[in-house]
Amino acid sequence: MVSFQVKEIYNSEMVGARLRALREERRVSLDALVAGTKIQKKYLEALEANRFDSLGSPIYTQNFIKAYARYLGVPHQPLVDNFKDYRDESDAANRVFVDVAAPKHRFAVSYKLIRNLGFAIVALALLGYIGFAVRNILTPPPITVSFPPNDYVAESQQIEIAGKVAADTTLKINGEEALTDEAGNFKEKVDLGEGLNTIKLGAQRKHSAEKVIYWRIFYGTAEKVSQR
C-alpha cells in the first residue's frame, strides 16, 4: 500500500506537493523535519510550496530534496529528477515567452529594413541624376535661328544670321567657328551666292555629338526668284 502511494506521489505534477504528501503520510511534522535534516523551517516551507527561487541555486534545492527524502526513507533520485524536469520545462516556457514578447527585436528589424530601403531610394535617385546629367552632356545641343526664317529671300548679297545656342556650345557656320556671347547668342554675317544658298550650322558641346541644321536662303534677280 505504501509503495502504491509513493508511486502516485512521484507521478503528481509538482515536487513540493510530492514531498509534503510523503511527510503527511508518515505523520512527520515540519519541526521534526527541521530537527532531522538541519534545514531551516522557512526553506522547508518554500520547498513544499514550490517557491524554488527562494532557495537560491538549483544545487541547493536538489540537496534539500535529497535530505528531505532520506529523512522520510524514500528514494530521492526520482524526486530530484522531477525537479530537474520541472526546471527545464519552466526555462523552456520562459524562452518562449521572451521570444513572443520581443517587439524590440522586430522593431530593430523593421528599422533596419526601412533604413536600407531609404538607402536604396537615395542610391536610385543618385543614379537617376547621374544618368540624366550624362545624357544631358552627351545629347547634341539645340540651335535656334531667330533671323532670317528658313527659305528666306535675301535682298542683298550679304546677310546676318542671328540666333542662340547653349552657353557652353561651340558653333560653326559653314564649317567656320562663329562667335557667341556668354548667353550663347550669336550674329554672323554670311556672303550669299546667286540662287539658292544652303547654310550649314553645327553646334557641339565638349563631349556631345554635333547637332547640324541646314538653313536655306535664296538670293538673285526678281526673274530668278519667280523661277525658284
C-alpha atoms as a PDB file:
ATOM      1  CA  MET A   1       0.000   0.000   0.000  1.00  0.00           C
ATOM      2  CA  VAL A   2       2.783   2.399   0.853  1.00  0.00           C
ATOM      3  CA  SER A   3       4.663   1.725  -2.371  1.00  0.00           C
ATOM      4  CA  PHE A   4       1.466   2.418  -4.356  1.00  0.00           C
ATOM      5  CA  GLN A   5       1.006   5.740  -2.587  1.00  0.00           C
ATOM      6  CA  VAL A   6       4.627   6.720  -3.181  1.00  0.00           C
ATOM      7  CA  LYS A   7       4.288   5.887  -6.861  1.00  0.00           C
ATOM      8  CA  GLU A   8       1.243   8.127  -7.109  1.00  0.00           C
ATOM      9  CA  ILE A   9       3.133  10.910  -5.380  1.00  0.00           C
ATOM     10  CA  TYR A  10       6.043  10.590  -7.837  1.00  0.00           C
ATOM     11  CA  ASN A  11       3.599  10.960 -10.699  1.00  0.00           C
ATOM     12  CA  SER A  12       1.971  14.131  -9.379  1.00  0.00           C
ATOM     13  CA  GLU A  13       2.724  17.460 -11.052  1.00  0.00           C
ATOM     14  CA  MET A  14       4.846  19.408  -8.541  1.00  0.00           C
ATOM     15  CA  VAL A  15       7.862  18.358  -6.490  1.00  0.00           C
ATOM     16  CA  GLY A  16       6.774  20.281  -3.382  1.00  0.00           C
ATOM     17  CA  ALA A  17       3.348  18.574  -3.354  1.00  0.00           C
ATOM     18  CA  ARG A  18       5.016  15.158  -3.531  1.00  0.00           C
ATOM     19  CA  LEU A  19       7.300  15.914  -0.615  1.00  0.00           C
ATOM     20  CA  ARG A  20       4.505  17.287   1.527  1.00  0.00           C
ATOM     21  CA  ALA A  21       2.298  14.269   0.752  1.00  0.00           C
ATOM     22  CA  LEU A  22       5.120  11.939   1.783  1.00  0.00           C
ATOM     23  CA  ARG A  23       5.642  13.843   5.032  1.00  0.00           C
ATOM     24  CA  GLU A  24       1.954  13.905   5.914  1.00  0.00           C
ATOM     25  CA  GLU A  25       1.597  10.212   5.051  1.00  0.00           C
ATOM     26  CA  ARG A  26       4.275   9.412   7.606  1.00  0.00           C
ATOM     27  CA  ARG A  27       2.798  11.883  10.099  1.00  0.00           C
ATOM     28  CA  VAL A  28       6.039  13.855  10.349  1.00  0.00           C
ATOM     29  CA  SER A  29       5.767  17.456  11.479  1.00  0.00           C
ATOM     30  CA  LEU A  30       7.793  20.270   9.961  1.00  0.00           C
ATOM     31  CA  ASP A  31       9.537  20.829  13.289  1.00  0.00           C
ATOM     32  CA  ALA A  32      10.624  17.177  13.369  1.00  0.00           C
ATOM     33  CA  LEU A  33      11.854  17.533   9.793  1.00  0.00           C
ATOM     34  CA  VAL A  34      13.829  20.626  10.729  1.00  0.00           C
ATOM     35  CA  ALA A  35      15.491  18.757  13.598  1.00  0.00           C
ATOM     36  CA  GLY A  36      16.216  15.703  11.462  1.00  0.00           C
ATOM     37  CA  THR A  37      17.522  17.420   8.315  1.00  0.00           C
ATOM     38  CA  LYS A  38      19.105  20.554   9.891  1.00  0.00           C
ATOM     39  CA  ILE A  39      17.301  22.627   7.225  1.00  0.00           C
ATOM     40  CA  GLN A  40      15.657  25.846   8.363  1.00  0.00           C
ATOM     41  CA  LYS A  41      11.893  25.738   8.526  1.00  0.00           C
ATOM     42  CA  LYS A  42      11.449  28.624   6.074  1.00  0.00           C
ATOM     43  CA  TYR A  43      13.366  26.657   3.442  1.00  0.00           C
ATOM     44  CA  LEU A  44      11.273  23.532   4.015  1.00  0.00           C
ATOM     45  CA  GLU A  45       8.089  25.604   3.693  1.00  0.00           C
ATOM     46  CA  ALA A  46       9.374  27.190   0.485  1.00  0.00           C
ATOM     47  CA  LEU A  47      10.295  23.746  -0.861  1.00  0.00           C
ATOM     48  CA  GLU A  48       6.823  22.339  -0.191  1.00  0.00           C
ATOM     49  CA  ALA A  49       5.235  25.444  -1.743  1.00  0.00           C
ATOM     50  CA  ASN A  50       7.430  25.099  -4.880  1.00  0.00           C
ATOM     51  CA  ARG A  51       8.963  28.525  -4.268  1.00  0.00           C
ATOM     52  CA  PHE A  52      12.309  27.389  -5.588  1.00  0.00           C
ATOM     53  CA  ASP A  53      13.541  30.919  -6.280  1.00  0.00           C
ATOM     54  CA  SER A  54      13.657  31.419  -2.503  1.00  0.00           C
ATOM     55  CA  LEU A  55      16.136  28.551  -2.145  1.00  0.00           C
ATOM     56  CA  GLY A  56      18.954  30.033  -4.195  1.00  0.00           C
ATOM     57  CA  SER A  57      20.894  27.880  -6.667  1.00  0.00           C
ATOM     58  CA  PRO A  58      19.195  24.747  -8.082  1.00  0.00           C
ATOM     59  CA  ILE A  59      22.027  22.752  -6.470  1.00  0.00           C
ATOM     60  CA  TYR A  60      20.793  23.840  -3.016  1.00  0.00           C
ATOM     61  CA  THR A  61      17.253  22.820  -3.930  1.00  0.00           C
ATOM     62  CA  GLN A  62      18.431  19.374  -5.040  1.00  0.00           C
ATOM     63  CA  ASN A  63      20.367  18.914  -1.761  1.00  0.00           C
ATOM     64  CA  PHE A  64      17.277  19.926   0.226  1.00  0.00           C
ATOM     65  CA  ILE A  65      15.201  17.366  -1.700  1.00  0.00           C
ATOM     66  CA  LYS A  66      17.773  14.629  -1.039  1.00  0.00           C
ATOM     67  CA  ALA A  67      17.892  15.371   2.707  1.00  0.00           C
ATOM     68  CA  TYR A  68      14.104  15.581   2.895  1.00  0.00           C
ATOM     69  CA  ALA A  69      13.623  12.215   1.085  1.00  0.00           C
ATOM     70  CA  ARG A  70      16.342  10.416   3.075  1.00  0.00           C
ATOM     71  CA  TYR A  71      14.800  11.507   6.350  1.00  0.00           C
ATOM     72  CA  LEU A  72      11.447  10.086   5.222  1.00  0.00           C
ATOM     73  CA  GLY A  73      13.121   6.892   3.974  1.00  0.00           C
ATOM     74  CA  VAL A  74      12.128   7.175   0.299  1.00  0.00           C
ATOM     75  CA  PRO A  75      14.355   7.191  -2.829  1.00  0.00           C
ATOM     76  CA  HIS A  76      15.494  10.715  -3.535  1.00  0.00           C
ATOM     77  CA  GLN A  77      16.569  10.377  -7.178  1.00  0.00           C
ATOM     78  CA  PRO A  78      13.058  10.268  -8.697  1.00  0.00           C
ATOM     79  CA  LEU A  79      12.206  13.430  -6.799  1.00  0.00           C
ATOM     80  CA  VAL A  80      15.409  15.152  -7.905  1.00  0.00           C
ATOM     81  CA  ASP A  81      14.696  14.113 -11.500  1.00  0.00           C
ATOM     82  CA  ASN A  82      11.179  15.507 -11.208  1.00  0.00           C
ATOM     83  CA  PHE A  83      12.620  18.808 -10.018  1.00  0.00           C
ATOM     84  CA  LYS A  84      15.046  18.895 -12.973  1.00  0.00           C
ATOM     85  CA  ASP A  85      12.197  18.198 -15.393  1.00  0.00           C
ATOM     86  CA  TYR A  86      10.151  20.979 -13.822  1.00  0.00           C
ATOM     87  CA  ARG A  87      13.081  23.385 -14.065  1.00  0.00           C
ATOM     88  CA  ASP A  88      13.701  22.504 -17.751  1.00  0.00           C
ATOM     89  CA  GLU A  89      10.033  22.997 -18.600  1.00  0.00           C
ATOM     90  CA  SER A  90       9.994  26.307 -16.750  1.00  0.00           C
ATOM     91  CA  ASP A  91      13.092  27.519 -18.618  1.00  0.00           C
ATOM     92  CA  ALA A  92      11.555  26.490 -21.950  1.00  0.00           C
ATOM     93  CA  ALA A  93       8.351  28.376 -21.121  1.00  0.00           C
ATOM     94  CA  ASN A  94      10.372  31.464 -20.229  1.00  0.00           C
ATOM     95  CA  ARG A  95      12.274  31.246 -23.508  1.00  0.00           C
ATOM     96  CA  VAL A  96       9.023  31.044 -25.459  1.00  0.00           C
ATOM     97  CA  PHE A  97       7.672  33.998 -23.523  1.00  0.00           C
ATOM     98  CA  VAL A  98      10.772  36.054 -24.255  1.00  0.00           C
ATOM     99  CA  ASP A  99      10.617  35.195 -27.942  1.00  0.00           C
ATOM    100  CA  VAL A 100       6.969  36.157 -28.185  1.00  0.00           C
ATOM    101  CA  ALA A 101       7.342  39.354 -26.183  1.00  0.00           C
ATOM    102  CA  ALA A 102      10.273  40.754 -28.106  1.00  0.00           C
ATOM    103  CA  PRO A 103       8.861  43.657 -30.087  1.00  0.00           C
ATOM    104  CA  LYS A 104      12.166  45.492 -29.773  1.00  0.00           C
ATOM    105  CA  HIS A 105      13.839  42.893 -31.944  1.00  0.00           C
ATOM    106  CA  ARG A 106      11.088  43.134 -34.521  1.00  0.00           C
ATOM    107  CA  PHE A 107      11.313  46.897 -34.346  1.00  0.00           C
ATOM    108  CA  ALA A 108      15.071  46.681 -34.910  1.00  0.00           C
ATOM    109  CA  VAL A 109      14.474  44.502 -37.974  1.00  0.00           C
ATOM    110  CA  SER A 110      11.810  46.925 -39.238  1.00  0.00           C
ATOM    111  CA  TYR A 111      14.093  49.906 -38.631  1.00  0.00           C
ATOM    112  CA  LYS A 112      16.925  48.187 -40.490  1.00  0.00           C
ATOM    113  CA  LEU A 113      14.578  47.383 -43.367  1.00  0.00           C
ATOM    114  CA  ILE A 114      13.340  50.975 -43.544  1.00  0.00           C
ATOM    115  CA  ARG A 115      16.895  52.287 -43.323  1.00  0.00           C
ATOM    116  CA  ASN A 116      18.080  50.000 -46.130  1.00  0.00           C
ATOM    117  CA  LEU A 117      15.061  50.948 -48.209  1.00  0.00           C
ATOM    118  CA  GLY A 118      15.897  54.607 -47.678  1.00  0.00           C
ATOM    119  CA  PHE A 119      19.481  53.994 -48.778  1.00  0.00           C
ATOM    120  CA  ALA A 120      18.200  52.172 -51.867  1.00  0.00           C
ATOM    121  CA  ILE A 121      15.876  55.063 -52.765  1.00  0.00           C
ATOM    122  CA  VAL A 122      18.685  57.596 -52.339  1.00  0.00           C
ATOM    123  CA  ALA A 123      21.026  55.412 -54.426  1.00  0.00           C
ATOM    124  CA  LEU A 124      18.433  55.076 -57.195  1.00  0.00           C
ATOM    125  CA  ALA A 125      17.784  58.820 -57.132  1.00  0.00           C
ATOM    126  CA  LEU A 126      21.520  59.490 -57.338  1.00  0.00           C
ATOM    127  CA  LEU A 127      21.919  57.047 -60.223  1.00  0.00           C
ATOM    128  CA  GLY A 128      18.966  58.674 -61.973  1.00  0.00           C
ATOM    129  CA  TYR A 129      20.510  62.103 -61.521  1.00  0.00           C
ATOM    130  CA  ILE A 130      23.877  60.904 -62.805  1.00  0.00           C
ATOM    131  CA  GLY A 131      22.169  59.257 -65.774  1.00  0.00           C
ATOM    132  CA  PHE A 132      20.275  62.457 -66.534  1.00  0.00           C
ATOM    133  CA  ALA A 133      23.456  64.519 -66.244  1.00  0.00           C
ATOM    134  CA  VAL A 134      25.403  62.154 -68.506  1.00  0.00           C
ATOM    135  CA  ARG A 135      22.602  62.115 -71.060  1.00  0.00           C
ATOM    136  CA  ASN A 136      22.467  65.910 -70.949  1.00  0.00           C
ATOM    137  CA  ILE A 137      26.215  66.070 -71.585  1.00  0.00           C
ATOM    138  CA  LEU A 138      26.136  63.590 -74.477  1.00  0.00           C
ATOM    139  CA  THR A 139      22.963  64.914 -76.142  1.00  0.00           C
ATOM    140  CA  PRO A 140      23.651  67.296 -79.044  1.00  0.00           C
ATOM    141  CA  PRO A 141      22.754  70.906 -78.086  1.00  0.00           C
ATOM    142  CA  PRO A 142      19.850  72.672 -79.841  1.00  0.00           C
ATOM    143  CA  ILE A 143      20.281  75.526 -82.321  1.00  0.00           C
ATOM    144  CA  THR A 144      17.756  78.317 -82.622  1.00  0.00           C
ATOM    145  CA  VAL A 145      17.841  80.699 -85.601  1.00  0.00           C
ATOM    146  CA  SER A 146      15.894  83.890 -84.936  1.00  0.00           C
ATOM    147  CA  PHE A 147      16.708  85.540 -88.294  1.00  0.00           C
ATOM    148  CA  PRO A 148      16.322  85.006 -91.180  1.00  0.00           C
ATOM    149  CA  PRO A 149      13.486  82.475 -91.408  1.00  0.00           C
ATOM    150  CA  ASN A 150      14.119  79.325 -93.404  1.00  0.00           C
ATOM    151  CA  ASP A 151      13.600  79.672 -97.184  1.00  0.00           C
ATOM    152  CA  TYR A 152      14.215  83.387 -96.881  1.00  0.00           C
ATOM    153  CA  VAL A 153      14.662  85.556 -99.982  1.00  0.00           C
ATOM    154  CA  ALA A 154      17.524  87.979 -99.394  1.00  0.00           C
ATOM    155  CA  GLU A 155      17.655  91.406-100.997  1.00  0.00           C
ATOM    156  CA  SER A 156      21.430  91.804-100.663  1.00  0.00           C
ATOM    157  CA  GLN A 157      24.367  89.513-101.257  1.00  0.00           C
ATOM    158  CA  GLN A 158      25.361  89.561 -97.582  1.00  0.00           C
ATOM    159  CA  ILE A 159      23.034  88.594 -94.737  1.00  0.00           C
ATOM    160  CA  GLU A 160      23.374  88.479 -90.971  1.00  0.00           C
ATOM    161  CA  ILE A 161      22.274  85.225 -89.367  1.00  0.00           C
ATOM    162  CA  ALA A 162      21.240  85.559 -85.714  1.00  0.00           C
ATOM    163  CA  GLY A 163      20.185  83.018 -83.134  1.00  0.00           C
ATOM    164  CA  LYS A 164      21.121  81.252 -79.961  1.00  0.00           C
ATOM    165  CA  VAL A 165      22.862  78.091 -78.703  1.00  0.00           C
ATOM    166  CA  ALA A 166      23.720  76.816 -75.206  1.00  0.00           C
ATOM    167  CA  ALA A 167      26.348  78.843 -73.377  1.00  0.00           C
ATOM    168  CA  ASP A 168      28.897  76.012 -73.360  1.00  0.00           C
ATOM    169  CA  THR A 169      28.495  75.253 -77.058  1.00  0.00           C
ATOM    170  CA  THR A 170      30.880  75.659 -79.977  1.00  0.00           C
ATOM    171  CA  LEU A 171      29.044  76.974 -83.053  1.00  0.00           C
ATOM    172  CA  LYS A 172      30.171  76.597 -86.630  1.00  0.00           C
ATOM    173  CA  ILE A 173      28.546  78.194 -89.676  1.00  0.00           C
ATOM    174  CA  ASN A 174      29.563  76.618 -92.993  1.00  0.00           C
ATOM    175  CA  GLY A 175      32.472  74.951 -91.167  1.00  0.00           C
ATOM    176  CA  GLU A 176      33.826  78.191 -89.699  1.00  0.00           C
ATOM    177  CA  GLU A 177      33.637  78.800 -85.950  1.00  0.00           C
ATOM    178  CA  ALA A 178      31.276  81.629 -85.059  1.00  0.00           C
ATOM    179  CA  LEU A 179      31.480  83.875 -82.034  1.00  0.00           C
ATOM    180  CA  THR A 180      28.867  83.666 -79.279  1.00  0.00           C
ATOM    181  CA  ASP A 181      28.372  85.757 -76.153  1.00  0.00           C
ATOM    182  CA  GLU A 182      28.170  84.444 -72.576  1.00  0.00           C
ATOM    183  CA  ALA A 183      24.472  83.582 -73.010  1.00  0.00           C
ATOM    184  CA  GLY A 184      25.077  81.744 -76.304  1.00  0.00           C
ATOM    185  CA  ASN A 185      23.679  84.450 -78.603  1.00  0.00           C
ATOM    186  CA  PHE A 186      25.288  84.821 -81.993  1.00  0.00           C
ATOM    187  CA  LYS A 187      25.184  87.143 -85.007  1.00  0.00           C
ATOM    188  CA  GLU A 188      27.248  86.213 -88.028  1.00  0.00           C
ATOM    189  CA  LYS A 189      27.398  87.763 -91.493  1.00  0.00           C
ATOM    190  CA  VAL A 190      27.349  85.334 -94.404  1.00  0.00           C
ATOM    191  CA  ASP A 191      28.052  86.069 -98.074  1.00  0.00           C
ATOM    192  CA  LEU A 192      25.464  84.663-100.467  1.00  0.00           C
ATOM    193  CA  GLY A 193      25.857  83.377-103.958  1.00  0.00           C
ATOM    194  CA  GLU A 194      23.275  83.940-106.642  1.00  0.00           C
ATOM    195  CA  GLY A 195      20.435  81.442-106.387  1.00  0.00           C
ATOM    196  CA  LEU A 196      19.760  79.014-103.565  1.00  0.00           C
ATOM    197  CA  ASN A 197      22.199  79.054-100.620  1.00  0.00           C
ATOM    198  CA  THR A 198      22.212  76.245 -98.089  1.00  0.00           C
ATOM    199  CA  ILE A 199      23.781  77.380 -94.836  1.00  0.00           C
ATOM    200  CA  LYS A 200      25.106  74.658 -92.521  1.00  0.00           C
ATOM    201  CA  LEU A 201      25.003  75.370 -88.795  1.00  0.00           C
ATOM    202  CA  GLY A 202      26.664  72.935 -86.401  1.00  0.00           C
ATOM    203  CA  ALA A 203      26.660  73.063 -82.576  1.00  0.00           C
ATOM    204  CA  GLN A 204      28.613  70.758 -80.268  1.00  0.00           C
ATOM    205  CA  ARG A 205      29.449  70.500 -76.580  1.00  0.00           C
ATOM    206  CA  LYS A 206      32.755  69.168 -75.332  1.00  0.00           C
ATOM    207  CA  HIS A 207      31.654  65.525 -75.116  1.00  0.00           C
ATOM    208  CA  SER A 208      28.443  65.517 -77.148  1.00  0.00           C
ATOM    209  CA  ALA A 209      27.660  64.607 -80.724  1.00  0.00           C
ATOM    210  CA  GLU A 210      27.264  67.507 -83.162  1.00  0.00           C
ATOM    211  CA  LYS A 211      23.844  68.993 -83.839  1.00  0.00           C
ATOM    212  CA  VAL A 212      23.553  70.054 -87.501  1.00  0.00           C
ATOM    213  CA  ILE A 213      20.781  72.005 -89.223  1.00  0.00           C
ATOM    214  CA  TYR A 214      20.549  73.433 -92.733  1.00  0.00           C
ATOM    215  CA  TRP A 215      19.083  76.882 -93.458  1.00  0.00           C
ATOM    216  CA  ARG A 216      18.001  77.793 -96.982  1.00  0.00           C
ATOM    217  CA  ILE A 217      18.386  81.388 -98.203  1.00  0.00           C
ATOM    218  CA  PHE A 218      17.726  82.498-101.805  1.00  0.00           C
ATOM    219  CA  TYR A 219      19.425  85.458-103.417  1.00  0.00           C
ATOM    220  CA  GLY A 220      19.031  86.633-107.007  1.00  0.00           C
ATOM    221  CA  THR A 221      17.139  88.800-109.536  1.00  0.00           C
ATOM    222  CA  ALA A 222      13.352  89.064-109.498  1.00  0.00           C
ATOM    223  CA  GLU A 223      13.174  86.800-112.549  1.00  0.00           C
ATOM    224  CA  LYS A 224      15.174  84.044-110.811  1.00  0.00           C
ATOM    225  CA  VAL A 225      13.179  84.475-107.608  1.00  0.00           C
ATOM    226  CA  SER A 226       9.962  83.825-109.531  1.00  0.00           C
ATOM    227  CA  GLN A 227      11.525  80.710-111.095  1.00  0.00           C
ATOM    228  CA  ARG A 228      12.879  79.124-107.913  1.00  0.00           C
END
